[in-house]
Amino acid sequence: MKATKVLFIAQEITPYLPESEIANVCRYLPQGVQERGREIRTFMPKYGNINERRNQLHEVIRLSGMNLIIDDTDHPLIIKVASIQAARMQVYFIDNEDYFQRKFITEDENGNSFDDNDERSIFFVRGVMETVKKLRWVPDIIHCHGWMTALAPLYIKKAYAEDPCFRDTKVIYSSYNNSFNSPFPASFSDKLLLEGIRKEDLNFTDKPIDFSELTKLAIRFSDGVIQASETMQPDILEYTKNAGIPFLPYQDPENYIDAYNEFYDVVWENAHK
């Protein structure tokens, strides 16, 4: 049995956002994987600087309307969708007025990280999970791109472990050099907790929860890791190699789609030995 359905959770995708390492991979990889015979779904946040009219986004009423509780506060979940015609693929957008209606992505105009990036990440990842459940679409592989998606492996393996949509799903985390400059607040651990997640699962030390700690959390609950940038922080690379899961080193831009596509089967088969 092969992995036939791949869910992409992306921090950025071009043409909705300017080109970047993540945005380019998340534009062309899903298309390439689809063209190689797999079924795909793709999600990203609906940041406030995405022009809805130009990109022809529209709300999907049947998927919207749920509230997600974060830190004892209700946050309405809005789902929008658009199509990249040339790729014959749809992109689903996770939207919320409190978290994503601002003109910048993860930093303000002065380059300072938003204070609520921890909650934005929680909302985005949980929003994807709940929307996939509503779609009744069962992914074999979930491929996460960018630190905004780093909580997905934890939630899938713990909070959603018994859900029929995710019970057999294998998670791959692509590690990019897209760091952030302000650690998450100490309250982050408490905000993460859902049924199925315990404090000991998080294994955070007393150190601030910075990019390195967040990436290691993602790796700890993943079934495979891809080095998506040419360089990788030494401590993260060492942690990855010691994790005992399949690891794909950096691939050149000419061949990465085929390499990633083959890696999905490596991870799938490794998990089903």
C-alpha atoms as a PDB file:
ATOM      1  CA  MET A   1       0.000   0.000   0.000  1.00  0.00           C
ATOM      2  CA  LYS A   2       1.416   3.364  -1.049  1.00  0.00           C
ATOM      3  CA  ALA A   3       0.854   6.847   0.322  1.00  0.00           C
ATOM      4  CA  THR A   4      -1.611   8.359  -2.139  1.00  0.00           C
ATOM      5  CA  LYS A   5      -2.866  11.514  -0.363  1.00  0.00           C
ATOM      6  CA  VAL A   6      -0.550  14.333   0.719  1.00  0.00           C
ATOM      7  CA  LEU A   7      -1.583  17.341   2.803  1.00  0.00           C
ATOM      8  CA  PHE A   8       0.702  20.383   2.559  1.00  0.00           C
ATOM      9  CA  ILE A   9       0.666  22.837   5.474  1.00  0.00           C
ATOM     10  CA  ALA A  10       2.560  25.917   4.314  1.00  0.00           C
ATOM     11  CA  GLN A  11       3.657  29.092   6.051  1.00  0.00           C
ATOM     12  CA  GLU A  12       3.898  30.915   2.701  1.00  0.00           C
ATOM     13  CA  ILE A  13       2.942  30.271  -0.929  1.00  0.00           C
ATOM     14  CA  THR A  14       3.646  32.415  -3.972  1.00  0.00           C
ATOM     15  CA  PRO A  15       1.866  34.108  -5.837  1.00  0.00           C
ATOM     16  CA  TYR A  16      -0.201  34.993  -2.757  1.00  0.00           C
ATOM     17  CA  LEU A  17       2.954  36.231  -0.998  1.00  0.00           C
ATOM     18  CA  PRO A  18       6.284  37.451  -2.399  1.00  0.00           C
ATOM     19  CA  GLU A  19       8.768  34.809  -3.511  1.00  0.00           C
ATOM     20  CA  SER A  20      10.885  33.210  -0.791  1.00  0.00           C
ATOM     21  CA  GLU A  21      12.481  29.810  -0.283  1.00  0.00           C
ATOM     22  CA  ILE A  22       9.362  28.461   1.458  1.00  0.00           C
ATOM     23  CA  ALA A  23       6.878  30.264  -0.789  1.00  0.00           C
ATOM     24  CA  ASN A  24       8.461  28.888  -3.964  1.00  0.00           C
ATOM     25  CA  VAL A  25       8.713  25.298  -2.724  1.00  0.00           C
ATOM     26  CA  CYS A  26       5.114  25.384  -1.501  1.00  0.00           C
ATOM     27  CA  ARG A  27       3.946  26.663  -4.878  1.00  0.00           C
ATOM     28  CA  TYR A  28       5.703  24.098  -7.080  1.00  0.00           C
ATOM     29  CA  LEU A  29       6.032  21.021  -4.856  1.00  0.00           C
ATOM     30  CA  PRO A  30       2.274  20.324  -4.492  1.00  0.00           C
ATOM     31  CA  GLN A  31       1.825  20.749  -8.247  1.00  0.00           C
ATOM     32  CA  GLY A  32       4.731  18.391  -8.949  1.00  0.00           C
ATOM     33  CA  VAL A  33       3.479  15.790  -6.498  1.00  0.00           C
ATOM     34  CA  GLN A  34      -0.010  15.991  -7.993  1.00  0.00           C
ATOM     35  CA  GLU A  35       1.413  15.559 -11.489  1.00  0.00           C
ATOM     36  CA  ARG A  36       3.212  12.430 -10.233  1.00  0.00           C
ATOM     37  CA  GLY A  37      -0.115  10.851  -9.383  1.00  0.00           C
ATOM     38  CA  ARG A  38      -0.871  11.723  -5.778  1.00  0.00           C
ATOM     39  CA  GLU A  39      -3.935  13.533  -4.471  1.00  0.00           C
ATOM     40  CA  ILE A  40      -3.146  16.774  -2.629  1.00  0.00           C
ATOM     41  CA  ARG A  41      -4.637  19.475  -0.418  1.00  0.00           C
ATOM     42  CA  THR A  42      -2.776  22.677   0.475  1.00  0.00           C
ATOM     43  CA  PHE A  43      -3.300  25.130   3.364  1.00  0.00           C
ATOM     44  CA  MET A  44      -1.748  28.461   4.358  1.00  0.00           C
ATOM     45  CA  PRO A  45      -2.694  31.402   6.635  1.00  0.00           C
ATOM     46  CA  LYS A  46      -4.740  34.228   5.088  1.00  0.00           C
ATOM     47  CA  TYR A  47      -2.417  37.078   6.021  1.00  0.00           C
ATOM     48  CA  GLY A  48      -3.806  40.607   5.733  1.00  0.00           C
ATOM     49  CA  ASN A  49      -1.451  41.545   2.895  1.00  0.00           C
ATOM     50  CA  ILE A  50      -2.989  38.948   0.546  1.00  0.00           C
ATOM     51  CA  ASN A  51      -5.211  40.730  -1.963  1.00  0.00           C
ATOM     52  CA  GLU A  52      -8.465  38.778  -1.925  1.00  0.00           C
ATOM     53  CA  ARG A  53      -9.947  40.382  -5.013  1.00  0.00           C
ATOM     54  CA  ARG A  54      -6.870  40.020  -7.205  1.00  0.00           C
ATOM     55  CA  ASN A  55      -6.341  36.415  -6.127  1.00  0.00           C
ATOM     56  CA  GLN A  56     -10.075  35.597  -6.257  1.00  0.00           C
ATOM     57  CA  LEU A  57     -10.384  34.259  -2.724  1.00  0.00           C
ATOM     58  CA  HIS A  58     -13.847  33.400  -1.498  1.00  0.00           C
ATOM     59  CA  GLU A  59     -15.171  32.096   1.788  1.00  0.00           C
ATOM     60  CA  VAL A  60     -16.268  28.475   2.050  1.00  0.00           C
ATOM     61  CA  ILE A  61     -19.356  28.857   4.223  1.00  0.00           C
ATOM     62  CA  ARG A  62     -19.804  25.139   4.930  1.00  0.00           C
ATOM     63  CA  LEU A  63     -16.276  24.945   6.380  1.00  0.00           C
ATOM     64  CA  SER A  64     -16.338  28.224   8.332  1.00  0.00           C
ATOM     65  CA  GLY A  65     -18.106  29.087  11.547  1.00  0.00           C
ATOM     66  CA  MET A  66     -16.274  27.039  14.154  1.00  0.00           C
ATOM     67  CA  ASN A  67     -14.665  28.685  17.191  1.00  0.00           C
ATOM     68  CA  LEU A  68     -11.243  27.630  18.461  1.00  0.00           C
ATOM     69  CA  ILE A  69     -10.490  28.328  22.115  1.00  0.00           C
ATOM     70  CA  ILE A  70      -6.946  29.526  22.811  1.00  0.00           C
ATOM     71  CA  ASP A  71      -5.985  30.770  26.266  1.00  0.00           C
ATOM     72  CA  ASP A  72      -9.669  30.736  27.321  1.00  0.00           C
ATOM     73  CA  THR A  73     -10.707  33.006  24.437  1.00  0.00           C
ATOM     74  CA  ASP A  74     -12.958  32.059  21.503  1.00  0.00           C
ATOM     75  CA  HIS A  75     -11.558  32.793  18.056  1.00  0.00           C
ATOM     76  CA  PRO A  76     -13.812  32.316  14.996  1.00  0.00           C
ATOM     77  CA  LEU A  77     -12.346  30.153  12.219  1.00  0.00           C
ATOM     78  CA  ILE A  78     -12.924  31.429   8.677  1.00  0.00           C
ATOM     79  CA  ILE A  79     -11.978  29.263   5.676  1.00  0.00           C
ATOM     80  CA  LYS A  80     -11.341  30.756   2.251  1.00  0.00           C
ATOM     81  CA  VAL A  81     -10.202  29.127  -0.975  1.00  0.00           C
ATOM     82  CA  ALA A  82      -8.568  30.139  -4.249  1.00  0.00           C
ATOM     83  CA  SER A  83      -7.231  28.328  -7.296  1.00  0.00           C
ATOM     84  CA  ILE A  84      -3.863  28.452  -9.030  1.00  0.00           C
ATOM     85  CA  GLN A  85      -5.176  27.764 -12.503  1.00  0.00           C
ATOM     86  CA  ALA A  86      -1.818  26.957 -14.096  1.00  0.00           C
ATOM     87  CA  ALA A  87      -1.214  24.274 -11.466  1.00  0.00           C
ATOM     88  CA  ARG A  88      -4.778  22.973 -11.352  1.00  0.00           C
ATOM     89  CA  MET A  89      -4.664  23.167  -7.591  1.00  0.00           C
ATOM     90  CA  GLN A  90      -6.713  24.808  -4.871  1.00  0.00           C
ATOM     91  CA  VAL A  91      -5.295  26.537  -1.827  1.00  0.00           C
ATOM     92  CA  TYR A  92      -7.280  26.720   1.410  1.00  0.00           C
ATOM     93  CA  PHE A  93      -6.717  29.749   3.653  1.00  0.00           C
ATOM     94  CA  ILE A  94      -7.097  29.846   7.435  1.00  0.00           C
ATOM     95  CA  ASP A  95      -8.399  33.262   8.453  1.00  0.00           C
ATOM     96  CA  ASN A  96      -9.266  35.068  11.667  1.00  0.00           C
ATOM     97  CA  GLU A  97      -9.710  38.790  12.264  1.00  0.00           C
ATOM     98  CA  ASP A  98      -7.629  38.898  15.455  1.00  0.00           C
ATOM     99  CA  TYR A  99      -4.645  36.943  14.122  1.00  0.00           C
ATOM    100  CA  PHE A 100      -4.369  37.520  10.389  1.00  0.00           C
ATOM    101  CA  GLN A 101      -5.878  40.899   9.476  1.00  0.00           C
ATOM    102  CA  ARG A 102      -2.595  42.814   9.534  1.00  0.00           C
ATOM    103  CA  LYS A 103      -0.413  43.985   6.682  1.00  0.00           C
ATOM    104  CA  PHE A 104       2.636  41.921   7.572  1.00  0.00           C
ATOM    105  CA  ILE A 105       3.317  38.198   7.876  1.00  0.00           C
ATOM    106  CA  THR A 106       5.197  37.402  11.110  1.00  0.00           C
ATOM    107  CA  GLU A 107       6.972  40.701  11.866  1.00  0.00           C
ATOM    108  CA  ASP A 108       5.939  44.352  11.983  1.00  0.00           C
ATOM    109  CA  GLU A 109       7.382  47.091   9.759  1.00  0.00           C
ATOM    110  CA  ASN A 110      10.390  47.410  12.075  1.00  0.00           C
ATOM    111  CA  GLY A 111      11.288  43.729  11.891  1.00  0.00           C
ATOM    112  CA  ASN A 112       9.961  42.871  15.352  1.00  0.00           C
ATOM    113  CA  SER A 113       8.153  39.559  15.763  1.00  0.00           C
ATOM    114  CA  PHE A 114       4.455  39.865  16.620  1.00  0.00           C
ATOM    115  CA  ASP A 115       3.814  39.208  20.312  1.00  0.00           C
ATOM    116  CA  ASP A 116       1.062  36.717  19.503  1.00  0.00           C
ATOM    117  CA  ASN A 117       2.947  34.586  16.938  1.00  0.00           C
ATOM    118  CA  ASP A 118       2.637  31.645  19.332  1.00  0.00           C
ATOM    119  CA  GLU A 119      -1.161  31.904  19.329  1.00  0.00           C
ATOM    120  CA  ARG A 120      -1.263  32.532  15.578  1.00  0.00           C
ATOM    121  CA  SER A 121       0.677  29.313  15.046  1.00  0.00           C
ATOM    122  CA  ILE A 122      -1.655  27.351  17.353  1.00  0.00           C
ATOM    123  CA  PHE A 123      -4.727  28.761  15.626  1.00  0.00           C
ATOM    124  CA  PHE A 124      -3.390  28.058  12.137  1.00  0.00           C
ATOM    125  CA  VAL A 125      -2.428  24.441  12.832  1.00  0.00           C
ATOM    126  CA  ARG A 126      -5.593  23.581  14.727  1.00  0.00           C
ATOM    127  CA  GLY A 127      -7.638  25.334  12.042  1.00  0.00           C
ATOM    128  CA  VAL A 128      -6.085  23.098   9.399  1.00  0.00           C
ATOM    129  CA  MET A 129      -6.817  19.962  11.451  1.00  0.00           C
ATOM    130  CA  GLU A 130     -10.454  20.889  12.009  1.00  0.00           C
ATOM    131  CA  THR A 131     -10.972  21.823   8.362  1.00  0.00           C
ATOM    132  CA  VAL A 132      -9.475  18.559   7.087  1.00  0.00           C
ATOM    133  CA  LYS A 133     -11.878  16.724   9.415  1.00  0.00           C
ATOM    134  CA  LYS A 134     -14.804  18.675   7.936  1.00  0.00           C
ATOM    135  CA  LEU A 135     -13.608  17.830   4.425  1.00  0.00           C
ATOM    136  CA  ARG A 136     -13.602  14.143   5.463  1.00  0.00           C
ATOM    137  CA  TRP A 137     -10.339  13.777   3.620  1.00  0.00           C
ATOM    138  CA  VAL A 138      -7.834  11.351   5.132  1.00  0.00           C
ATOM    139  CA  PRO A 139      -4.204  12.249   4.347  1.00  0.00           C
ATOM    140  CA  ASP A 140      -1.522   9.555   4.294  1.00  0.00           C
ATOM    141  CA  ILE A 141       1.318  12.083   4.507  1.00  0.00           C
ATOM    142  CA  ILE A 142       1.255  15.560   6.049  1.00  0.00           C
ATOM    143  CA  HIS A 143       4.185  17.715   4.917  1.00  0.00           C
ATOM    144  CA  CYS A 144       4.825  20.833   7.054  1.00  0.00           C
ATOM    145  CA  HIS A 145       6.766  23.867   5.797  1.00  0.00           C
ATOM    146  CA  GLY A 146       7.979  26.722   8.026  1.00  0.00           C
ATOM    147  CA  TRP A 147       7.989  27.298  11.783  1.00  0.00           C
ATOM    148  CA  MET A 148       4.378  28.499  11.687  1.00  0.00           C
ATOM    149  CA  THR A 149       3.517  24.813  11.055  1.00  0.00           C
ATOM    150  CA  ALA A 150       5.866  23.338  13.686  1.00  0.00           C
ATOM    151  CA  LEU A 151       3.044  22.403  16.069  1.00  0.00           C
ATOM    152  CA  ALA A 152       1.315  20.147  13.552  1.00  0.00           C
ATOM    153  CA  PRO A 153       3.344  16.989  14.376  1.00  0.00           C
ATOM    154  CA  LEU A 154       2.572  17.360  18.102  1.00  0.00           C
ATOM    155  CA  TYR A 155      -1.145  17.885  17.549  1.00  0.00           C
ATOM    156  CA  ILE A 156      -1.451  15.033  15.047  1.00  0.00           C
ATOM    157  CA  LYS A 157       0.415  12.536  17.219  1.00  0.00           C
ATOM    158  CA  LYS A 158      -1.213  13.547  20.508  1.00  0.00           C
ATOM    159  CA  ALA A 159      -4.408  15.620  20.355  1.00  0.00           C
ATOM    160  CA  TYR A 160      -5.703  14.029  17.116  1.00  0.00           C
ATOM    161  CA  ALA A 161      -4.047  10.622  17.495  1.00  0.00           C
ATOM    162  CA  GLU A 162      -7.353   8.710  17.684  1.00  0.00           C
ATOM    163  CA  ASP A 163      -9.195  10.753  15.075  1.00  0.00           C
ATOM    164  CA  PRO A 164     -10.024   8.611  12.002  1.00  0.00           C
ATOM    165  CA  CYS A 165      -8.684  11.377   9.713  1.00  0.00           C
ATOM    166  CA  PHE A 166      -5.214  11.310  11.285  1.00  0.00           C
ATOM    167  CA  ARG A 167      -4.838   7.941  13.028  1.00  0.00           C
ATOM    168  CA  ASP A 168      -2.593   6.467  10.311  1.00  0.00           C
ATOM    169  CA  THR A 169      -1.104   9.719   9.001  1.00  0.00           C
ATOM    170  CA  LYS A 170       2.676  10.100   8.792  1.00  0.00           C
ATOM    171  CA  VAL A 171       4.163  13.565   9.315  1.00  0.00           C
ATOM    172  CA  ILE A 172       7.179  15.049   7.554  1.00  0.00           C
ATOM    173  CA  TYR A 173       8.718  18.311   8.725  1.00  0.00           C
ATOM    174  CA  SER A 174      10.784  20.456   6.355  1.00  0.00           C
ATOM    175  CA  SER A 175      13.352  22.441   8.328  1.00  0.00           C
ATOM    176  CA  TYR A 176      14.108  25.845   6.789  1.00  0.00           C
ATOM    177  CA  ASN A 177      16.425  28.611   7.966  1.00  0.00           C
ATOM    178  CA  ASN A 178      13.489  30.951   8.515  1.00  0.00           C
ATOM    179  CA  SER A 179      14.105  31.804  12.146  1.00  0.00           C
ATOM    180  CA  PHE A 180      12.241  34.332  14.306  1.00  0.00           C
ATOM    181  CA  ASN A 181      13.898  36.868  16.576  1.00  0.00           C
ATOM    182  CA  SER A 182      11.679  36.901  19.695  1.00  0.00           C
ATOM    183  CA  PRO A 183      11.178  33.727  21.776  1.00  0.00           C
ATOM    184  CA  PHE A 184       7.630  32.624  22.530  1.00  0.00           C
ATOM    185  CA  PRO A 185       6.343  33.644  25.995  1.00  0.00           C
ATOM    186  CA  ALA A 186       6.539  31.316  28.997  1.00  0.00           C
ATOM    187  CA  SER A 187       2.747  30.873  28.810  1.00  0.00           C
ATOM    188  CA  PHE A 188       3.127  29.096  25.447  1.00  0.00           C
ATOM    189  CA  SER A 189       3.210  25.634  27.059  1.00  0.00           C
ATOM    190  CA  ASP A 190      -0.132  26.205  28.789  1.00  0.00           C
ATOM    191  CA  LYS A 191      -1.757  27.510  25.604  1.00  0.00           C
ATOM    192  CA  LEU A 192      -0.681  24.370  23.727  1.00  0.00           C
ATOM    193  CA  LEU A 193      -2.446  21.959  26.026  1.00  0.00           C
ATOM    194  CA  LEU A 194      -5.417  20.086  24.576  1.00  0.00           C
ATOM    195  CA  GLU A 195      -6.931  16.750  25.479  1.00  0.00           C
ATOM    196  CA  GLY A 196      -4.228  14.195  24.677  1.00  0.00           C
ATOM    197  CA  ILE A 197      -1.303  16.594  25.234  1.00  0.00           C
ATOM    198  CA  ARG A 198       0.507  16.588  28.566  1.00  0.00           C
ATOM    199  CA  LYS A 199       3.161  18.953  29.917  1.00  0.00           C
ATOM    200  CA  GLU A 200       5.760  16.134  29.746  1.00  0.00           C
ATOM    201  CA  ASP A 201       5.090  15.755  25.998  1.00  0.00           C
ATOM    202  CA  LEU A 202       6.420  19.267  25.478  1.00  0.00           C
ATOM    203  CA  ASN A 203       9.713  18.623  27.255  1.00  0.00           C
ATOM    204  CA  PHE A 204      10.597  22.318  27.219  1.00  0.00           C
ATOM    205  CA  THR A 205      13.452  23.319  29.483  1.00  0.00           C
ATOM    206  CA  ASP A 206      13.486  26.568  31.429  1.00  0.00           C
ATOM    207  CA  LYS A 207      15.067  28.225  28.407  1.00  0.00           C
ATOM    208  CA  PRO A 208      12.973  30.553  26.234  1.00  0.00           C
ATOM    209  CA  ILE A 209      11.060  28.742  23.506  1.00  0.00           C
ATOM    210  CA  ASP A 210      13.058  29.978  20.547  1.00  0.00           C
ATOM    211  CA  PHE A 211      13.318  28.809  16.937  1.00  0.00           C
ATOM    212  CA  SER A 212      15.631  25.931  17.849  1.00  0.00           C
ATOM    213  CA  GLU A 213      13.392  24.595  20.639  1.00  0.00           C
ATOM    214  CA  LEU A 214      10.271  24.878  18.474  1.00  0.00           C
ATOM    215  CA  THR A 215      11.966  23.054  15.576  1.00  0.00           C
ATOM    216  CA  LYS A 216      13.094  20.253  17.895  1.00  0.00           C
ATOM    217  CA  LEU A 217       9.514  19.880  19.149  1.00  0.00           C
ATOM    218  CA  ALA A 218       8.378  19.439  15.538  1.00  0.00           C
ATOM    219  CA  ILE A 219      11.104  16.875  14.835  1.00  0.00           C
ATOM    220  CA  ARG A 220      10.340  14.896  17.998  1.00  0.00           C
ATOM    221  CA  PHE A 221       6.819  14.099  16.808  1.00  0.00           C
ATOM    222  CA  SER A 222       7.603  13.726  13.084  1.00  0.00           C
ATOM    223  CA  ASP A 223       8.048  10.509  11.099  1.00  0.00           C
ATOM    224  CA  GLY A 224      10.607  12.073   8.732  1.00  0.00           C
ATOM    225  CA  VAL A 225      12.603  15.288   8.354  1.00  0.00           C
ATOM    226  CA  ILE A 226      13.794  17.151   5.259  1.00  0.00           C
ATOM    227  CA  GLN A 227      16.624  19.697   5.278  1.00  0.00           C
ATOM    228  CA  ALA A 228      14.926  22.286   3.102  1.00  0.00           C
ATOM    229  CA  SER A 229      17.586  25.022   3.281  1.00  0.00           C
ATOM    230  CA  GLU A 230      21.187  24.627   2.179  1.00  0.00           C
ATOM    231  CA  THR A 231      22.399  25.160   5.746  1.00  0.00           C
ATOM    232  CA  MET A 232      20.880  23.992   9.018  1.00  0.00           C
ATOM    233  CA  GLN A 233      21.648  25.121  12.569  1.00  0.00           C
ATOM    234  CA  PRO A 234      24.243  22.644  13.922  1.00  0.00           C
ATOM    235  CA  ASP A 235      22.212  21.790  17.047  1.00  0.00           C
ATOM    236  CA  ILE A 236      19.077  21.151  14.971  1.00  0.00           C
ATOM    237  CA  LEU A 237      21.013  19.018  12.484  1.00  0.00           C
ATOM    238  CA  GLU A 238      22.529  16.949  15.285  1.00  0.00           C
ATOM    239  CA  TYR A 239      19.116  16.554  16.950  1.00  0.00           C
ATOM    240  CA  THR A 240      17.610  15.415  13.640  1.00  0.00           C
ATOM    241  CA  LYS A 241      20.303  12.832  12.994  1.00  0.00           C
ATOM    242  CA  ASN A 242      19.862  11.446  16.520  1.00  0.00           C
ATOM    243  CA  ALA A 243      16.076  11.226  16.191  1.00  0.00           C
ATOM    244  CA  GLY A 244      16.169   7.797  14.558  1.00  0.00           C
ATOM    245  CA  ILE A 245      13.740   8.697  11.764  1.00  0.00           C
ATOM    246  CA  PRO A 246      14.270   9.006   7.988  1.00  0.00           C
ATOM    247  CA  PHE A 247      16.189  12.163   7.062  1.00  0.00           C
ATOM    248  CA  LEU A 248      16.546  13.690   3.591  1.00  0.00           C
ATOM    249  CA  PRO A 249      19.520  16.099   3.259  1.00  0.00           C
ATOM    250  CA  TYR A 250      19.324  19.255   1.172  1.00  0.00           C
ATOM    251  CA  GLN A 251      18.321  18.707  -2.456  1.00  0.00           C
ATOM    252  CA  ASP A 252      19.215  21.024  -5.313  1.00  0.00           C
ATOM    253  CA  PRO A 253      16.353  23.050  -6.836  1.00  0.00           C
ATOM    254  CA  GLU A 254      16.446  21.029 -10.062  1.00  0.00           C
ATOM    255  CA  ASN A 255      15.677  17.677  -8.464  1.00  0.00           C
ATOM    256  CA  TYR A 256      13.963  18.283  -5.146  1.00  0.00           C
ATOM    257  CA  ILE A 257      10.412  17.435  -6.295  1.00  0.00           C
ATOM    258  CA  ASP A 258      11.344  13.907  -7.355  1.00  0.00           C
ATOM    259  CA  ALA A 259      13.462  13.444  -4.218  1.00  0.00           C
ATOM    260  CA  TYR A 260      10.667  14.620  -1.913  1.00  0.00           C
ATOM    261  CA  ASN A 261       8.104  12.506  -3.750  1.00  0.00           C
ATOM    262  CA  GLU A 262      10.262   9.398  -3.285  1.00  0.00           C
ATOM    263  CA  PHE A 263      10.903  10.323   0.362  1.00  0.00           C
ATOM    264  CA  TYR A 264       7.157  10.153   1.070  1.00  0.00           C
ATOM    265  CA  ASP A 265       7.253   6.449   0.231  1.00  0.00           C
ATOM    266  CA  VAL A 266      10.416   5.935   2.306  1.00  0.00           C
ATOM    267  CA  VAL A 267       8.673   7.439   5.362  1.00  0.00           C
ATOM    268  CA  TRP A 268       5.437   5.550   4.677  1.00  0.00           C
ATOM    269  CA  GLU A 269       7.188   2.210   4.273  1.00  0.00           C
ATOM    270  CA  ASN A 270       9.463   2.807   7.275  1.00  0.00           C
ATOM    271  CA  ALA A 271       6.407   3.403   9.452  1.00  0.00           C
ATOM    272  CA  HIS A 272       4.698   0.236   8.188  1.00  0.00           C
ATOM    273  CA  LYS A 273       7.589  -2.181   8.666  1.00  0.00           C
END
